[in-house]
Amino acid sequence: MSTLENIIRSVAIAITLLAVAPILSAHHSRAAIYDINSITEIEGRVTRILWRNPHIRFWLESEIAGEPVIYEIESTPPGTLERHGISPEILSIGQIIRIAGTPGRFNTYAMEAKNILLPDGREVLIQRDSEPRWSAPTIGWTSEDLSGARINTAVARAEGIFRVWSRDEDSSFRVREGSSLSLVGLSDYPLTTTARQMRQNFDPIADNPIPGCTPKGMPYIMGQPYPIEFINDSGRILMRIEEYDLVRVIHLIDEPGPSAATPLGYSVGRWDGGRLFVETSAILAPQYIAGIPLTDSAQVEERFELSEDQTRLRYLLKVTDPETFTDSVEREKYWTWKPGVEIKPYECTIE
């Protein structure tokens, strides 16, 4: 069985498992669900823990005016936490802990955790931008502990773009000019009148294009923060994406296109002086991001370019859709090579 067949078989199994999961709106824009400009604190007893993708969740029993209440807390995806030294063992049923985080916009008893104060006095910085709050010894955001054997294997196998690439900690997905954009308040996007009206009417819960464990499609998926891997597979390039256990196929030789559109579309690539150019078409219900759907007229172009020392990968994304944008939109990001990092199973679960 070829590399492609093995990977596609694994993906098919994952999709089958996803199909039987409850369809809930658990994957979403943070700012749409939580008031990211506010921080509140609660204290209570841990009653339940789900250390699963797409985000860890746990439940806290607390009191308000003498009455018991249950808070549902969510935070960073487990793979990201574990790569930075935060393991599932930090939480256990029955612990009395304190949480600081952003409160829910629609649910009084929902919160996204940024800091956790454990019973032994240690403070967990559970978000990338968390700052120490209680002047306690802190846990969080250390470098991933990589073994020498894994590093040596990664170095021996690396060949140009064909390796695992990690998120560049200093690089978010930016507009081409370099100014940072968030997933909401998108006044900087050159939207048509129709697209702007759709954005204004967008309900992040009722209209969520990726409810539960529904994978993102192109080009939305390329903004994801997890590692990716490029594999050379006989006239094709396989791009493994940790989020949702996805595999994109980039065709380098003349092959028939798909009979029907798919969420990841049909990608054709070419090499030019060490740079990889990719054009993608036949995308099923394309989304630029949540709240900005694209039409069948959309054209998606990508460029992957290695740095001279081959330790950094520059990525440019250009989207043209005259029915959505009044001008082409170009964004860029970077990945970094950290030898020894491996793609982890995503295994998204909603309960």
Protein backbone atom coordinates (compact mmCIF):
# COMPACT_ATOMS: atom_id res chain seq x y z
CA MET A 1 0.00 0.00 0.00
CA SER A 2 1.47 3.41 -1.00
CA THR A 3 2.15 6.31 1.37
CA LEU A 4 -0.83 8.14 -0.10
CA GLU A 5 -3.15 5.14 0.31
CA ASN A 6 -2.08 4.62 3.93
CA ILE A 7 -2.66 8.25 4.84
CA ILE A 8 -5.96 8.54 2.96
CA ARG A 9 -7.18 5.36 4.66
CA SER A 10 -6.38 6.88 8.09
CA VAL A 11 -8.19 10.06 7.14
CA ALA A 12 -11.23 8.10 5.96
CA ILE A 13 -11.40 6.35 9.34
CA ALA A 14 -11.11 9.71 11.12
CA ILE A 15 -13.91 11.20 9.01
CA THR A 16 -16.13 8.21 9.76
CA LEU A 17 -15.57 8.73 13.48
CA LEU A 18 -16.33 12.44 13.13
CA ALA A 19 -19.58 11.69 11.38
CA VAL A 20 -21.03 10.00 14.46
CA ALA A 21 -19.97 12.73 16.89
CA PRO A 22 -22.61 15.14 18.21
CA ILE A 23 -22.82 18.28 16.09
CA LEU A 24 -22.17 21.13 18.50
CA SER A 25 -20.75 24.58 17.92
CA ALA A 26 -17.56 24.07 19.90
CA HIS A 27 -15.00 25.30 17.35
CA HIS A 28 -15.33 29.04 17.00
CA SER A 29 -13.73 32.46 17.06
CA ARG A 30 -12.74 33.33 20.62
CA ALA A 31 -13.86 36.94 20.39
CA ALA A 32 -17.26 35.94 19.06
CA ILE A 33 -18.01 33.77 22.12
CA TYR A 34 -16.01 35.45 24.91
CA ASP A 35 -15.53 39.06 25.98
CA ILE A 36 -11.78 39.18 25.35
CA ASN A 37 -11.53 42.69 26.80
CA SER A 38 -12.63 41.53 30.27
CA ILE A 39 -11.03 39.27 32.87
CA THR A 40 -12.95 37.75 35.78
CA GLU A 41 -12.03 35.27 38.51
CA ILE A 42 -13.92 32.31 39.92
CA GLU A 43 -13.03 29.59 42.43
CA GLY A 44 -14.51 26.15 42.78
CA ARG A 45 -14.17 22.38 42.68
CA VAL A 46 -13.33 20.51 39.49
CA THR A 47 -16.15 18.06 38.70
CA ARG A 48 -15.33 16.90 35.15
CA ILE A 49 -12.42 17.12 32.68
CA LEU A 50 -12.26 16.60 28.90
CA TRP A 51 -8.63 16.87 27.74
CA ARG A 52 -9.58 16.61 24.06
CA ASN A 53 -9.43 18.56 20.81
CA PRO A 54 -10.60 21.01 19.62
CA HIS A 55 -10.14 22.63 23.10
CA ILE A 56 -9.66 21.26 26.59
CA ARG A 57 -12.79 21.68 28.71
CA PHE A 58 -13.52 21.21 32.37
CA TRP A 59 -16.35 21.99 34.74
CA LEU A 60 -16.15 23.86 38.02
CA GLU A 61 -18.70 23.77 40.84
CA SER A 62 -18.89 27.14 42.56
CA GLU A 63 -21.36 29.32 44.46
CA ILE A 64 -23.14 32.58 43.77
CA ALA A 65 -25.07 34.15 46.67
CA GLY A 66 -24.97 30.82 48.46
CA GLU A 67 -26.44 28.91 45.51
CA PRO A 68 -24.42 26.20 43.69
CA VAL A 69 -23.59 26.84 40.02
CA ILE A 70 -21.59 24.93 37.43
CA TYR A 71 -19.15 26.79 35.18
CA GLU A 72 -18.01 25.32 31.88
CA ILE A 73 -14.41 26.31 31.20
CA GLU A 74 -12.50 25.88 27.96
CA SER A 75 -9.00 26.80 26.88
CA THR A 76 -6.08 25.97 24.60
CA PRO A 77 -6.01 22.74 22.51
CA PRO A 78 -4.26 19.86 24.31
CA GLY A 79 -1.57 19.30 21.68
CA THR A 80 -0.41 22.91 22.02
CA LEU A 81 -0.38 22.69 25.83
CA GLU A 82 1.51 19.42 25.88
CA ARG A 83 4.14 20.76 23.48
CA HIS A 84 4.76 23.57 25.96
CA GLY A 85 5.07 21.53 29.11
CA ILE A 86 1.46 21.50 30.33
CA SER A 87 0.19 17.93 30.74
CA PRO A 88 -3.27 16.59 31.63
CA GLU A 89 -2.01 15.76 35.12
CA ILE A 90 -2.27 19.39 36.20
CA LEU A 91 -6.03 18.92 36.72
CA SER A 92 -7.89 16.26 38.67
CA ILE A 93 -11.45 15.74 39.84
CA GLY A 94 -12.07 17.25 43.26
CA GLN A 95 -9.35 19.94 43.11
CA ILE A 96 -10.24 23.38 44.46
CA ILE A 97 -8.76 25.81 41.95
CA ARG A 98 -9.01 29.47 40.99
CA ILE A 99 -9.53 30.53 37.37
CA ALA A 100 -8.94 33.89 35.71
CA GLY A 101 -10.33 34.22 32.22
CA THR A 102 -12.60 35.91 29.74
CA PRO A 103 -16.34 35.59 30.46
CA GLY A 104 -18.88 34.24 27.97
CA ARG A 105 -20.86 36.72 25.90
CA PHE A 106 -23.99 34.58 25.80
CA ASN A 107 -23.58 32.25 28.79
CA THR A 108 -23.02 33.65 32.29
CA TYR A 109 -21.47 30.36 33.39
CA ALA A 110 -18.97 29.98 30.54
CA MET A 111 -15.35 31.14 30.54
CA GLU A 112 -12.14 30.79 28.58
CA ALA A 113 -9.32 30.18 31.05
CA LYS A 114 -6.10 32.18 30.85
CA ASN A 115 -4.64 31.46 34.31
CA ILE A 116 -5.21 28.59 36.76
CA LEU A 117 -4.09 28.67 40.40
CA LEU A 118 -3.56 25.10 41.63
CA PRO A 119 -4.03 23.93 45.25
CA ASP A 120 -0.24 23.69 45.76
CA GLY A 121 0.21 27.38 44.86
CA ARG A 122 1.52 26.94 41.34
CA GLU A 123 0.03 29.14 38.64
CA VAL A 124 -0.59 27.70 35.16
CA LEU A 125 -0.24 30.17 32.28
CA ILE A 126 -2.58 28.34 29.95
CA GLN A 127 -2.78 30.79 27.05
CA ARG A 128 0.08 31.97 24.87
CA ASP A 129 -0.47 35.57 26.02
CA SER A 130 -1.13 34.82 29.71
CA GLU A 131 0.76 36.92 32.25
CA PRO A 132 1.46 35.90 35.88
CA ARG A 133 -1.46 37.09 38.00
CA TRP A 134 -1.02 35.79 41.54
CA SER A 135 2.78 36.07 41.90
CA ALA A 136 3.10 32.32 42.31
CA PRO A 137 5.56 29.84 40.74
CA THR A 138 4.34 29.38 37.17
CA ILE A 139 3.94 26.49 34.75
CA GLY A 140 3.54 26.90 31.04
CA TRP A 141 5.05 27.69 27.67
CA THR A 142 8.39 25.95 28.01
CA SER A 143 10.13 24.61 24.93
CA GLU A 144 9.03 21.16 23.82
CA ASP A 145 11.22 18.44 25.32
CA LEU A 146 12.61 16.66 22.26
CA SER A 147 14.80 13.56 22.48
CA GLY A 148 18.16 13.38 20.71
CA ALA A 149 16.97 10.38 18.69
CA ARG A 150 13.96 12.26 17.34
CA ILE A 151 16.12 15.24 16.44
CA ASN A 152 18.70 13.08 14.66
CA THR A 153 15.99 11.26 12.70
CA ALA A 154 14.37 14.54 11.65
CA VAL A 155 17.70 15.98 10.49
CA ALA A 156 18.51 12.85 8.47
CA ARG A 157 15.13 12.84 6.73
CA ALA A 158 14.82 16.57 6.02
CA GLU A 159 15.07 17.44 2.34
CA GLY A 160 14.12 20.97 1.37
CA ILE A 161 10.45 21.57 2.12
CA PHE A 162 9.90 17.90 3.03
CA ARG A 163 9.86 17.93 6.83
CA VAL A 164 7.59 18.91 9.74
CA TRP A 165 7.07 22.65 10.15
CA SER A 166 5.96 24.27 13.41
CA ARG A 167 4.15 27.52 14.01
CA ASP A 168 6.52 30.46 14.15
CA GLU A 169 5.87 31.89 17.62
CA ASP A 170 6.49 35.43 16.37
CA SER A 171 4.38 35.15 13.23
CA SER A 172 0.61 35.30 13.03
CA PHE A 173 -1.37 35.18 9.78
CA ARG A 174 -1.03 38.78 8.53
CA VAL A 175 -2.24 40.84 5.64
CA ARG A 176 0.45 41.26 3.02
CA GLU A 177 1.41 44.74 4.23
CA GLY A 178 2.17 43.30 7.69
CA SER A 179 -0.57 44.75 9.93
CA SER A 180 -2.10 42.12 12.18
CA LEU A 181 -5.77 41.14 11.74
CA SER A 182 -8.12 39.27 14.06
CA LEU A 183 -11.07 37.06 13.17
CA VAL A 184 -13.59 39.76 14.07
CA GLY A 185 -13.82 43.49 13.42
CA LEU A 186 -12.68 42.96 9.86
CA SER A 187 -13.04 46.52 8.61
CA ASP A 188 -9.65 46.22 6.90
CA TYR A 189 -10.89 43.64 4.42
CA PRO A 190 -11.94 45.07 1.01
CA LEU A 191 -15.42 43.49 1.11
CA THR A 192 -18.08 44.08 -1.49
CA THR A 193 -21.38 45.56 -0.31
CA THR A 194 -23.01 42.11 -0.39
CA ALA A 195 -20.16 40.44 1.51
CA ARG A 196 -20.08 43.22 4.12
CA GLN A 197 -23.81 42.78 4.74
CA MET A 198 -23.31 39.01 5.12
CA ARG A 199 -20.51 39.64 7.59
CA GLN A 200 -22.67 42.01 9.64
CA ASN A 201 -25.50 39.45 9.74
CA PHE A 202 -23.18 36.58 10.67
CA ASP A 203 -24.19 34.74 13.86
CA PRO A 204 -21.08 32.98 15.27
CA ILE A 205 -23.20 30.23 16.81
CA ALA A 206 -26.12 29.68 14.42
CA ASP A 207 -24.02 30.28 11.28
CA ASN A 208 -20.78 28.63 12.43
CA PRO A 209 -19.36 26.95 9.27
CA ILE A 210 -17.32 24.47 11.33
CA PRO A 211 -19.61 23.21 14.11
CA GLY A 212 -18.36 20.50 16.42
CA CYS A 213 -15.55 18.55 14.78
CA THR A 214 -16.31 19.66 11.22
CA PRO A 215 -12.92 20.25 9.52
CA LYS A 216 -12.12 23.61 7.97
CA GLY A 217 -11.74 23.67 4.19
CA MET A 218 -9.56 25.74 1.88
CA PRO A 219 -8.34 28.39 2.25
CA TYR A 220 -9.57 28.73 5.87
CA ILE A 221 -7.55 25.71 7.05
CA MET A 222 -4.23 27.38 6.17
CA GLY A 223 -4.58 29.82 9.07
CA GLN A 224 -4.51 26.97 11.60
CA PRO A 225 -1.73 27.07 14.24
CA TYR A 226 -0.67 23.40 14.37
CA PRO A 227 2.36 21.73 12.74
CA ILE A 228 2.23 20.64 9.10
CA GLU A 229 4.35 18.14 7.20
CA PHE A 230 5.24 17.88 3.52
CA ILE A 231 5.78 14.38 2.09
CA ASN A 232 7.18 13.59 -1.37
CA ASP A 233 4.88 10.94 -2.90
CA SER A 234 5.65 10.07 -6.54
CA GLY A 235 4.56 13.11 -8.51
CA ARG A 236 2.45 14.45 -5.67
CA ILE A 237 3.12 16.38 -2.51
CA LEU A 238 1.13 15.36 0.54
CA MET A 239 0.58 18.09 3.10
CA ARG A 240 -0.34 16.60 6.46
CA ILE A 241 -2.13 19.08 8.70
CA GLU A 242 -2.35 18.16 12.38
CA GLU A 243 -5.64 19.99 12.89
CA TYR A 244 -8.47 17.53 12.06
CA ASP A 245 -5.89 14.90 10.89
CA LEU A 246 -6.20 16.30 7.35
CA VAL A 247 -4.14 15.56 4.24
CA ARG A 248 -4.00 17.89 1.25
CA VAL A 249 -2.82 16.42 -2.05
CA ILE A 250 -0.85 18.75 -4.33
CA HIS A 251 -0.57 17.33 -7.85
CA LEU A 252 2.69 17.98 -9.70
CA ILE A 253 1.87 15.99 -12.84
CA ASP A 254 -1.03 16.18 -15.27
CA GLU A 255 -3.88 14.20 -13.71
CA PRO A 256 -7.65 14.33 -14.19
CA GLY A 257 -9.43 16.73 -11.86
CA PRO A 258 -12.11 15.65 -9.39
CA SER A 259 -15.62 14.80 -10.52
CA ALA A 260 -17.04 16.90 -7.66
CA ALA A 261 -15.86 19.72 -5.43
CA THR A 262 -14.38 18.89 -2.02
CA PRO A 263 -13.65 21.05 1.07
CA LEU A 264 -9.89 21.02 0.36
CA GLY A 265 -10.37 21.42 -3.37
CA TYR A 266 -8.09 20.29 -6.20
CA SER A 267 -4.53 21.62 -5.87
CA VAL A 268 -1.94 21.78 -8.66
CA GLY A 269 1.64 22.75 -7.86
CA ARG A 270 4.81 23.66 -9.72
CA TRP A 271 8.39 24.34 -8.69
CA ASP A 272 10.13 27.55 -9.68
CA GLY A 273 13.65 28.12 -8.42
CA GLY A 274 13.07 26.18 -5.21
CA ARG A 275 9.74 27.88 -4.53
CA LEU A 276 6.50 25.92 -4.62
CA PHE A 277 3.51 27.59 -6.29
CA VAL A 278 0.05 26.07 -5.84
CA GLU A 279 -3.33 26.87 -7.40
CA THR A 280 -6.50 25.37 -5.91
CA SER A 281 -9.93 25.05 -7.50
CA ALA A 282 -13.09 22.91 -7.08
CA ILE A 283 -13.49 23.93 -3.43
CA LEU A 284 -16.77 22.89 -1.83
CA ALA A 285 -18.40 25.82 0.02
CA PRO A 286 -15.12 27.74 0.45
CA GLN A 287 -14.68 29.98 3.48
CA TYR A 288 -12.07 32.70 3.73
CA ILE A 289 -12.70 32.73 7.47
CA ALA A 290 -15.85 32.39 9.57
CA GLY A 291 -18.28 35.05 8.40
CA ILE A 292 -16.65 35.60 5.01
CA PRO A 293 -17.72 32.83 2.63
CA LEU A 294 -16.25 32.71 -0.85
CA THR A 295 -18.08 31.92 -4.09
CA ASP A 296 -17.44 29.54 -6.97
CA SER A 297 -15.58 32.41 -8.65
CA ALA A 298 -12.81 32.32 -6.02
CA GLN A 299 -9.22 31.74 -7.11
CA VAL A 300 -6.74 30.58 -4.48
CA GLU A 301 -2.99 30.91 -5.07
CA GLU A 302 -0.23 29.95 -2.64
CA ARG A 303 3.54 30.23 -2.49
CA PHE A 304 5.92 28.36 -0.17
CA GLU A 305 9.48 29.66 0.02
CA LEU A 306 12.40 28.33 2.09
CA SER A 307 14.87 30.60 3.82
CA GLU A 308 18.52 30.30 2.78
CA ASP A 309 19.40 28.17 5.81
CA GLN A 310 16.21 26.08 5.28
CA THR A 311 14.99 26.60 8.85
CA ARG A 312 12.06 28.92 8.07
CA LEU A 313 9.23 28.59 5.56
CA ARG A 314 7.49 31.68 4.23
CA TYR A 315 3.90 31.25 3.11
CA LEU A 316 1.90 33.63 0.92
CA LEU A 317 -1.82 33.21 0.26
CA LYS A 318 -3.64 35.21 -2.40
CA VAL A 319 -7.41 35.00 -2.79
CA THR A 320 -9.33 36.64 -5.62
CA ASP A 321 -13.13 36.59 -5.59
CA PRO A 322 -14.86 39.58 -7.24
CA GLU A 323 -18.15 38.70 -5.58
CA THR A 324 -16.59 38.87 -2.08
CA PHE A 325 -13.61 41.25 -2.34
CA THR A 326 -13.19 44.48 -4.26
CA ASP A 327 -9.49 43.64 -4.60
CA SER A 328 -7.31 40.55 -4.19
CA VAL A 329 -6.45 39.77 -0.57
CA GLU A 330 -2.92 38.63 0.22
CA ARG A 331 -1.81 37.29 3.59
CA GLU A 332 1.43 35.77 4.82
CA LYS A 333 2.76 33.71 7.69
CA TYR A 334 5.87 31.72 8.59
CA TRP A 335 6.61 28.26 9.87
CA THR A 336 9.82 27.28 11.68
CA TRP A 337 11.70 23.98 11.53
CA LYS A 338 12.11 22.51 15.01
CA PRO A 339 13.84 19.14 14.44
CA GLY A 340 12.12 16.37 16.37
CA VAL A 341 8.60 17.82 16.39
CA GLU A 342 6.10 15.28 15.13
CA ILE A 343 2.49 15.47 13.92
CA LYS A 344 0.20 14.37 16.75
CA PRO A 345 -3.17 12.63 16.29
CA TYR A 346 -5.87 15.28 16.54
CA GLU A 347 -8.76 12.96 17.42
CA CYS A 348 -11.37 15.68 17.79
CA THR A 349 -14.16 14.74 20.22
CA ILE A 350 -17.27 16.66 21.27
CA GLU A 351 -19.33 15.47 24.23
